[in-house]
Amino acid sequence: MKAADKHYKIINCNTGYTIYYCTLSCDLSADSIKAELEKIKIQVAVKNNILFDTLYWDEIKEEIEEEEPN
């Protein structure tokens, strides 16, 4: 069974707002994921005229709701 792709958001630490969402393949290594996220951070900073150091990324973890028994 193939694991699900990982979802990330890029956040402006000055405002706390999420300004970009992305999805990366679960087939990538941890180092490759970090490298891709850094590239995306640079692109988002340039596009939005924001200092690179004011952005950070965070993985979006999906919460699984458990059904209550009847």
Protein backbone atom coordinates (compact mmCIF):
# COMPACT_ATOMS: atom_id res chain seq x y z
CA MET A 1 0.00 0.00 0.00
CA LYS A 2 1.41 3.38 -1.01
CA ALA A 3 1.53 6.07 1.67
CA ALA A 4 -0.26 9.34 1.03
CA ASP A 5 1.54 12.41 -0.28
CA LYS A 6 2.59 14.96 2.30
CA HIS A 7 0.98 18.39 2.43
CA TYR A 8 2.77 21.52 3.62
CA LYS A 9 2.01 25.18 4.18
CA ILE A 10 4.33 28.18 4.03
CA ILE A 11 3.67 30.65 6.84
CA ASN A 12 4.71 34.28 7.29
CA CYS A 13 5.99 34.43 10.88
CA ASN A 14 5.36 38.20 11.11
CA THR A 15 1.63 37.86 10.46
CA GLY A 16 1.01 34.19 11.24
CA TYR A 17 -0.86 33.85 7.93
CA THR A 18 -0.45 30.85 5.66
CA ILE A 19 0.45 32.24 2.24
CA TYR A 20 1.13 29.08 0.23
CA TYR A 21 0.16 25.40 0.20
CA CYS A 22 2.02 22.59 -1.55
CA THR A 23 2.05 18.82 -1.83
CA LEU A 24 5.17 16.69 -2.15
CA SER A 25 5.48 13.04 -3.03
CA CYS A 26 5.94 10.60 -0.19
CA ASP A 27 8.52 8.84 -2.38
CA LEU A 28 11.07 11.62 -1.75
CA SER A 29 13.71 11.21 0.93
CA ALA A 30 13.68 13.48 3.97
CA ASP A 31 16.63 15.45 2.56
CA SER A 32 14.90 15.86 -0.81
CA ILE A 33 11.73 17.08 0.87
CA LYS A 34 13.68 19.69 2.86
CA ALA A 35 15.49 20.84 -0.29
CA GLU A 36 12.20 21.17 -2.21
CA LEU A 37 10.59 23.09 0.63
CA GLU A 38 13.53 25.50 0.76
CA LYS A 39 13.20 26.09 -3.01
CA ILE A 40 9.49 26.74 -2.59
CA LYS A 41 10.18 29.13 0.30
CA ILE A 42 12.53 31.14 -1.91
CA GLN A 43 9.97 31.29 -4.74
CA VAL A 44 7.21 32.40 -2.38
CA ALA A 45 9.45 35.05 -0.79
CA VAL A 46 10.43 36.50 -4.18
CA LYS A 47 6.89 36.41 -5.57
CA ASN A 48 5.44 38.12 -2.48
CA ASN A 49 8.36 40.52 -1.88
CA ILE A 50 8.92 39.08 1.61
CA LEU A 51 12.22 38.44 3.35
CA PHE A 52 13.15 34.76 3.10
CA ASP A 53 13.90 34.51 6.83
CA THR A 54 10.34 35.55 7.76
CA LEU A 55 8.87 32.40 6.19
CA TYR A 56 8.74 28.89 7.54
CA TRP A 57 7.05 25.67 6.47
CA ASP A 58 4.91 23.29 8.44
CA GLU A 59 3.51 19.89 7.57
CA ILE A 60 -0.27 19.68 7.50
CA LYS A 61 -1.33 16.69 9.55
CA GLU A 62 -4.79 15.40 8.81
CA GLU A 63 -6.77 14.65 11.89
CA ILE A 64 -8.79 11.46 11.73
CA GLU A 65 -12.14 11.78 13.39
CA GLU A 66 -13.17 8.70 15.28
CA GLU A 67 -16.81 7.70 15.11
CA GLU A 68 -18.49 7.24 18.42
CA PRO A 69 -20.23 3.89 18.86
CA ASN A 70 -24.04 4.04 18.92
